[in-house]
PDB file of all heavy atoms in Angstrom:
ATOM      1  N   ASP A   1     120.005  57.980  89.828  1.00  0.00           N
ATOM      2  CA  ASP A   1     121.188  57.641  88.999  1.00  0.00           C
ATOM      3  C   ASP A   1     121.382  56.258  88.748  1.00  0.00           C
ATOM      4  O   ASP A   1     121.841  55.889  87.649  1.00  0.00           O
ATOM      5  CB  ASP A   1     122.461  58.253  89.576  1.00  0.00           C
ATOM      6  CG  ASP A   1     123.565  58.474  88.647  1.00  0.00           C
ATOM      7  OD1 ASP A   1     123.338  58.332  87.424  1.00  0.00           O
ATOM      8  OD2 ASP A   1     124.701  58.686  89.120  1.00  0.00           O
ATOM      9  N   LEU A   2     121.054  55.410  89.691  1.00  0.00           N
ATOM     10  CA  LEU A   2     121.131  53.932  89.474  1.00  0.00           C
ATOM     11  C   LEU A   2     119.889  53.460  90.180  1.00  0.00           C
ATOM     12  O   LEU A   2     119.806  53.273  91.502  1.00  0.00           O
ATOM     13  CB  LEU A   2     122.348  53.429  90.039  1.00  0.00           C
ATOM     14  CG  LEU A   2     122.680  51.906  89.802  1.00  0.00           C
ATOM     15  CD1 LEU A   2     122.710  51.532  88.328  1.00  0.00           C
ATOM     16  CD2 LEU A   2     124.060  51.491  90.451  1.00  0.00           C
ATOM     17  N   LEU A   3     118.836  53.229  89.485  1.00  0.00           N
ATOM     18  CA  LEU A   3     117.526  52.815  90.080  1.00  0.00           C
ATOM     19  C   LEU A   3     117.627  51.680  90.905  1.00  0.00           C
ATOM     20  O   LEU A   3     118.225  50.597  90.520  1.00  0.00           O
ATOM     21  CB  LEU A   3     116.503  52.606  88.999  1.00  0.00           C
ATOM     22  CG  LEU A   3     115.053  52.735  89.245  1.00  0.00           C
ATOM     23  CD1 LEU A   3     114.748  54.094  89.887  1.00  0.00           C
ATOM     24  CD2 LEU A   3     114.158  52.500  88.116  1.00  0.00           C
ATOM     25  N   HIS A   4     117.207  51.675  92.189  1.00  0.00           N
ATOM     26  CA  HIS A   4     117.269  50.624  93.208  1.00  0.00           C
ATOM     27  C   HIS A   4     115.998  50.558  93.893  1.00  0.00           C
ATOM     28  O   HIS A   4     115.056  51.278  93.891  1.00  0.00           O
ATOM     29  CB  HIS A   4     118.527  50.729  93.977  1.00  0.00           C
ATOM     30  CG  HIS A   4     118.608  51.920  94.809  1.00  0.00           C
ATOM     31  ND1 HIS A   4     117.791  52.189  95.877  1.00  0.00           N
ATOM     32  CD2 HIS A   4     119.438  52.934  94.779  1.00  0.00           C
ATOM     33  CE1 HIS A   4     118.142  53.341  96.400  1.00  0.00           C
ATOM     34  NE2 HIS A   4     119.162  53.868  95.667  1.00  0.00           N
ATOM     35  N   VAL A   5     115.850  49.517  94.698  1.00  0.00           N
ATOM     36  CA  VAL A   5     114.735  49.205  95.547  1.00  0.00           C
ATOM     37  C   VAL A   5     114.266  50.352  96.412  1.00  0.00           C
ATOM     38  O   VAL A   5     113.115  50.579  96.595  1.00  0.00           O
ATOM     39  CB  VAL A   5     114.707  47.811  96.258  1.00  0.00           C
ATOM     40  CG1 VAL A   5     115.791  47.958  97.378  1.00  0.00           C
ATOM     41  CG2 VAL A   5     113.427  47.346  96.718  1.00  0.00           C
ATOM     42  N   GLY A   6     115.240  51.061  96.924  1.00  0.00           N
ATOM     43  CA  GLY A   6     114.884  52.186  97.770  1.00  0.00           C
ATOM     44  C   GLY A   6     114.097  53.242  97.071  1.00  0.00           C
ATOM     45  O   GLY A   6     113.085  53.831  97.504  1.00  0.00           O
ATOM     46  N   HIS A   7     114.567  53.515  95.745  1.00  0.00           N
ATOM     47  CA  HIS A   7     113.752  54.491  94.941  1.00  0.00           C
ATOM     48  C   HIS A   7     112.261  53.933  94.728  1.00  0.00           C
ATOM     49  O   HIS A   7     111.378  54.662  94.718  1.00  0.00           O
ATOM     50  CB  HIS A   7     114.393  54.566  93.633  1.00  0.00           C
ATOM     51  CG  HIS A   7     115.798  55.197  93.594  1.00  0.00           C
ATOM     52  ND1 HIS A   7     116.936  54.792  92.965  1.00  0.00           N
ATOM     53  CD2 HIS A   7     116.173  56.305  94.322  1.00  0.00           C
ATOM     54  CE1 HIS A   7     117.925  55.524  93.190  1.00  0.00           C
ATOM     55  NE2 HIS A   7     117.546  56.454  93.963  1.00  0.00           N
ATOM     56  N   VAL A   8     112.272  52.739  94.377  1.00  0.00           N
ATOM     57  CA  VAL A   8     110.904  52.099  94.061  1.00  0.00           C
ATOM     58  C   VAL A   8     109.869  52.182  95.271  1.00  0.00           C
ATOM     59  O   VAL A   8     108.918  52.722  95.131  1.00  0.00           O
ATOM     60  CB  VAL A   8     110.995  50.611  93.652  1.00  0.00           C
ATOM     61  CG1 VAL A   8     109.646  49.984  93.504  1.00  0.00           C
ATOM     62  CG2 VAL A   8     111.771  50.517  92.332  1.00  0.00           C
ATOM     63  N   ARG A   9     110.458  51.896  96.431  1.00  0.00           N
ATOM     64  CA  ARG A   9     109.659  52.015  97.628  1.00  0.00           C
ATOM     65  C   ARG A   9     109.260  53.446  97.997  1.00  0.00           C
ATOM     66  O   ARG A   9     108.165  53.729  98.451  1.00  0.00           O
ATOM     67  CB  ARG A   9     110.357  51.308  98.795  1.00  0.00           C
ATOM     68  CG  ARG A   9     110.453  49.893  98.641  1.00  0.00           C
ATOM     69  CD  ARG A   9     111.355  49.209  99.662  1.00  0.00           C
ATOM     70  NE  ARG A   9     111.454  47.728  99.410  1.00  0.00           N
ATOM     71  CZ  ARG A   9     112.390  46.970  99.908  1.00  0.00           C
ATOM     72  NH1 ARG A   9     113.275  47.497 100.831  1.00  0.00           N
ATOM     73  NH2 ARG A   9     112.400  45.704  99.616  1.00  0.00           N
ATOM     74  N   TYR A  10     110.262  54.433  97.765  1.00  0.00           N
ATOM     75  CA  TYR A  10     110.003  55.751  97.992  1.00  0.00           C
ATOM     76  C   TYR A  10     108.871  56.297  97.110  1.00  0.00           C
ATOM     77  O   TYR A  10     107.920  56.954  97.614  1.00  0.00           O
ATOM     78  CB  TYR A  10     111.339  56.545  97.718  1.00  0.00           C
ATOM     79  CG  TYR A  10     111.230  58.084  97.473  1.00  0.00           C
ATOM     80  CD1 TYR A  10     110.657  58.907  98.489  1.00  0.00           C
ATOM     81  CD2 TYR A  10     111.774  58.625  96.296  1.00  0.00           C
ATOM     82  CE1 TYR A  10     110.676  60.239  98.230  1.00  0.00           C
ATOM     83  CE2 TYR A  10     111.794  59.971  96.160  1.00  0.00           C
ATOM     84  CZ  TYR A  10     111.227  60.866  97.007  1.00  0.00           C
ATOM     85  OH  TYR A  10     111.186  62.199  96.917  1.00  0.00           O
ATOM     86  N   LEU A  11     108.954  56.011  95.875  1.00  0.00           N
ATOM     87  CA  LEU A  11     107.935  56.470  94.803  1.00  0.00           C
ATOM     88  C   LEU A  11     106.537  55.782  95.145  1.00  0.00           C
ATOM     89  O   LEU A  11     105.487  56.449  94.967  1.00  0.00           O
ATOM     90  CB  LEU A  11     108.462  56.269  93.397  1.00  0.00           C
ATOM     91  CG  LEU A  11     109.651  57.064  93.070  1.00  0.00           C
ATOM     92  CD1 LEU A  11     110.159  56.839  91.699  1.00  0.00           C
ATOM     93  CD2 LEU A  11     109.489  58.552  93.313  1.00  0.00           C
ATOM     94  N   GLU A  12     106.529  54.496  95.493  1.00  0.00           N
ATOM     95  CA  GLU A  12     105.310  53.896  95.845  1.00  0.00           C
ATOM     96  C   GLU A  12     104.678  54.496  97.081  1.00  0.00           C
ATOM     97  O   GLU A  12     103.511  54.702  97.088  1.00  0.00           O
ATOM     98  CB  GLU A  12     105.514  52.323  96.052  1.00  0.00           C
ATOM     99  CG  GLU A  12     105.829  51.541  94.847  1.00  0.00           C
ATOM    100  CD  GLU A  12     106.168  50.052  95.086  1.00  0.00           C
ATOM    101  OE1 GLU A  12     106.435  49.742  96.261  1.00  0.00           O
ATOM    102  OE2 GLU A  12     106.118  49.392  94.092  1.00  0.00           O
ATOM    103  N   GLY A  13     105.487  54.891  98.002  1.00  0.00           N
ATOM    104  CA  GLY A  13     104.996  55.558  99.265  1.00  0.00           C
ATOM    105  C   GLY A  13     104.478  56.907  98.911  1.00  0.00           C
ATOM    106  O   GLY A  13     103.419  57.294  99.396  1.00  0.00           O
ATOM    107  N   ALA A  14     105.044  57.623  97.952  1.00  0.00           N
ATOM    108  CA  ALA A  14     104.534  58.940  97.479  1.00  0.00           C
ATOM    109  C   ALA A  14     103.266  58.717  96.764  1.00  0.00           C
ATOM    110  O   ALA A  14     102.269  59.499  97.007  1.00  0.00           O
ATOM    111  CB  ALA A  14     105.543  59.639  96.738  1.00  0.00           C
ATOM    112  N   ARG A  15     103.184  57.802  95.855  1.00  0.00           N
ATOM    113  CA  ARG A  15     101.849  57.568  95.133  1.00  0.00           C
ATOM    114  C   ARG A  15     100.756  57.195  96.087  1.00  0.00           C
ATOM    115  O   ARG A  15      99.650  57.558  95.647  1.00  0.00           O
ATOM    116  CB  ARG A  15     102.256  56.435  94.077  1.00  0.00           C
ATOM    117  CG  ARG A  15     101.033  56.132  93.116  1.00  0.00           C
ATOM    118  CD  ARG A  15     100.642  57.413  92.389  1.00  0.00           C
ATOM    119  NE  ARG A  15      99.620  57.111  91.334  1.00  0.00           N
ATOM    120  CZ  ARG A  15      98.433  56.993  91.504  1.00  0.00           C
ATOM    121  NH1 ARG A  15      97.872  57.077  92.739  1.00  0.00           N
ATOM    122  NH2 ARG A  15      97.586  56.771  90.443  1.00  0.00           N
ATOM    123  N   ALA A  16     100.978  56.506  97.048  1.00  0.00           N
ATOM    124  CA  ALA A  16      99.902  56.102  97.984  1.00  0.00           C
ATOM    125  C   ALA A  16      99.256  57.309  98.655  1.00  0.00           C
ATOM    126  O   ALA A  16      98.074  57.135  99.125  1.00  0.00           O
ATOM    127  CB  ALA A  16     100.473  55.188  99.040  1.00  0.00           C
ATOM    128  N   LEU A  17      99.856  58.432  98.515  1.00  0.00           N
ATOM    129  CA  LEU A  17      99.185  59.682  99.208  1.00  0.00           C
ATOM    130  C   LEU A  17      98.469  60.519  98.320  1.00  0.00           C
ATOM    131  O   LEU A  17      97.965  61.534  98.712  1.00  0.00           O
ATOM    132  CB  LEU A  17     100.381  60.493  99.782  1.00  0.00           C
ATOM    133  CG  LEU A  17     101.243  59.827 100.921  1.00  0.00           C
ATOM    134  CD1 LEU A  17     102.343  60.702 101.380  1.00  0.00           C
ATOM    135  CD2 LEU A  17     100.361  59.444 102.107  1.00  0.00           C
ATOM    136  N   ALA A  18      98.300  60.161  97.030  1.00  0.00           N
ATOM    137  CA  ALA A  18      97.595  60.967  96.146  1.00  0.00           C
ATOM    138  C   ALA A  18      97.096  60.134  94.879  1.00  0.00           C
ATOM    139  O   ALA A  18      97.295  59.029  94.689  1.00  0.00           O
ATOM    140  CB  ALA A  18      98.669  62.024  95.501  1.00  0.00           C
ATOM    141  N   ASP A  19      96.308  60.954  94.081  1.00  0.00           N
ATOM    142  CA  ASP A  19      95.713  60.372  92.909  1.00  0.00           C
ATOM    143  C   ASP A  19      96.803  60.297  91.711  1.00  0.00           C
ATOM    144  O   ASP A  19      96.680  59.425  90.922  1.00  0.00           O
ATOM    145  CB  ASP A  19      94.543  61.223  92.397  1.00  0.00           C
ATOM    146  CG  ASP A  19      93.424  61.276  93.396  1.00  0.00           C
ATOM    147  OD1 ASP A  19      93.055  60.365  93.999  1.00  0.00           O
ATOM    148  OD2 ASP A  19      92.967  62.419  93.670  1.00  0.00           O
ATOM    149  N   VAL A  20      97.730  61.255  91.816  1.00  0.00           N
ATOM    150  CA  VAL A  20      98.724  61.445  90.773  1.00  0.00           C
ATOM    151  C   VAL A  20     100.026  61.660  91.379  1.00  0.00           C
ATOM    152  O   VAL A  20     100.176  62.400  92.308  1.00  0.00           O
ATOM    153  CB  VAL A  20      98.283  62.669  89.811  1.00  0.00           C
ATOM    154  CG1 VAL A  20      99.364  62.986  88.807  1.00  0.00           C
ATOM    155  CG2 VAL A  20      96.912  62.387  89.150  1.00  0.00           C
ATOM    156  N   LEU A  21     101.100  61.074  90.784  1.00  0.00           N
ATOM    157  CA  LEU A  21     102.429  61.287  91.232  1.00  0.00           C
ATOM    158  C   LEU A  21     103.325  61.892  90.161  1.00  0.00           C
ATOM    159  O   LEU A  21     103.374  61.257  89.031  1.00  0.00           O
ATOM    160  CB  LEU A  21     103.110  59.938  91.755  1.00  0.00           C
ATOM    161  CG  LEU A  21     104.589  60.123  92.153  1.00  0.00           C
ATOM    162  CD1 LEU A  21     104.797  61.069  93.261  1.00  0.00           C
ATOM    163  CD2 LEU A  21     105.117  58.723  92.503  1.00  0.00           C
ATOM    164  N   VAL A  22     103.825  63.123  90.456  1.00  0.00           N
ATOM    165  CA  VAL A  22     104.677  63.751  89.581  1.00  0.00           C
ATOM    166  C   VAL A  22     106.105  63.653  90.144  1.00  0.00           C
ATOM    167  O   VAL A  22     106.315  63.900  91.432  1.00  0.00           O
ATOM    168  CB  VAL A  22     104.409  65.257  89.363  1.00  0.00           C
ATOM    169  CG1 VAL A  22     105.351  65.894  88.380  1.00  0.00           C
ATOM    170  CG2 VAL A  22     102.952  65.316  88.802  1.00  0.00           C
ATOM    171  N   VAL A  23     107.123  63.113  89.421  1.00  0.00           N
ATOM    172  CA  VAL A  23     108.376  63.007  89.885  1.00  0.00           C
ATOM    173  C   VAL A  23     109.405  63.900  89.159  1.00  0.00           C
ATOM    174  O   VAL A  23     109.464  63.984  87.997  1.00  0.00           O
ATOM    175  CB  VAL A  23     108.946  61.501  89.681  1.00  0.00           C
ATOM    176  CG1 VAL A  23     110.350  61.273  90.193  1.00  0.00           C
ATOM    177  CG2 VAL A  23     107.950  60.586  90.393  1.00  0.00           C
ATOM    178  N   GLY A  24     110.176  64.681  89.964  1.00  0.00           N
ATOM    179  CA  GLY A  24     111.226  65.573  89.459  1.00  0.00           C
ATOM    180  C   GLY A  24     112.570  64.683  89.418  1.00  0.00           C
ATOM    181  O   GLY A  24     112.951  64.131  90.380  1.00  0.00           O
ATOM    182  N   VAL A  25     113.222  64.760  88.249  1.00  0.00           N
ATOM    183  CA  VAL A  25     114.511  64.130  88.129  1.00  0.00           C
ATOM    184  C   VAL A  25     115.590  65.207  87.936  1.00  0.00           C
ATOM    185  O   VAL A  25     115.432  66.061  87.028  1.00  0.00           O
ATOM    186  CB  VAL A  25     114.481  63.164  86.851  1.00  0.00           C
ATOM    187  CG1 VAL A  25     115.961  62.528  86.615  1.00  0.00           C
ATOM    188  CG2 VAL A  25     113.577  62.052  87.161  1.00  0.00           C
ATOM    189  N   ASN A  26     116.637  65.216  88.692  1.00  0.00           N
ATOM    190  CA  ASN A  26     117.626  66.226  88.554  1.00  0.00           C
ATOM    191  C   ASN A  26     118.358  66.162  87.195  1.00  0.00           C
ATOM    192  O   ASN A  26     118.561  65.104  86.799  1.00  0.00           O
ATOM    193  CB  ASN A  26     118.686  66.058  89.694  1.00  0.00           C
ATOM    194  CG  ASN A  26     118.271  66.317  91.045  1.00  0.00           C
ATOM    195  OD1 ASN A  26     117.532  65.526  91.684  1.00  0.00           O
ATOM    196  ND2 ASN A  26     118.608  67.566  91.509  1.00  0.00           N
ATOM    197  N   SER A  27     118.615  67.222  86.740  1.00  0.00           N
ATOM    198  CA  SER A  27     119.444  67.440  85.442  1.00  0.00           C
ATOM    199  C   SER A  27     120.887  66.731  85.598  1.00  0.00           C
ATOM    200  O   SER A  27     121.248  66.586  86.791  1.00  0.00           O
ATOM    201  CB  SER A  27     119.477  68.805  85.050  1.00  0.00           C
ATOM    202  OG  SER A  27     120.416  69.554  85.957  1.00  0.00           O
ATOM    203  N   ASP A  28     121.477  66.557  84.638  1.00  0.00           N
ATOM    204  CA  ASP A  28     122.974  66.066  84.666  1.00  0.00           C
ATOM    205  C   ASP A  28     123.889  67.011  85.472  1.00  0.00           C
ATOM    206  O   ASP A  28     124.628  66.656  86.302  1.00  0.00           O
ATOM    207  CB  ASP A  28     123.525  65.845  83.260  1.00  0.00           C
ATOM    208  CG  ASP A  28     122.805  64.695  82.449  1.00  0.00           C
ATOM    209  OD1 ASP A  28     122.079  63.966  83.159  1.00  0.00           O
ATOM    210  OD2 ASP A  28     122.922  64.690  81.317  1.00  0.00           O
TER     211      ASP A  28
END
């Protein structure tokens, strides 16, 4: 909802585990 450094680090950590990262974003 308000992108911050924790989100960036979370997604970088996820990406490090695979060739491709798919991210689900909750609807409104």
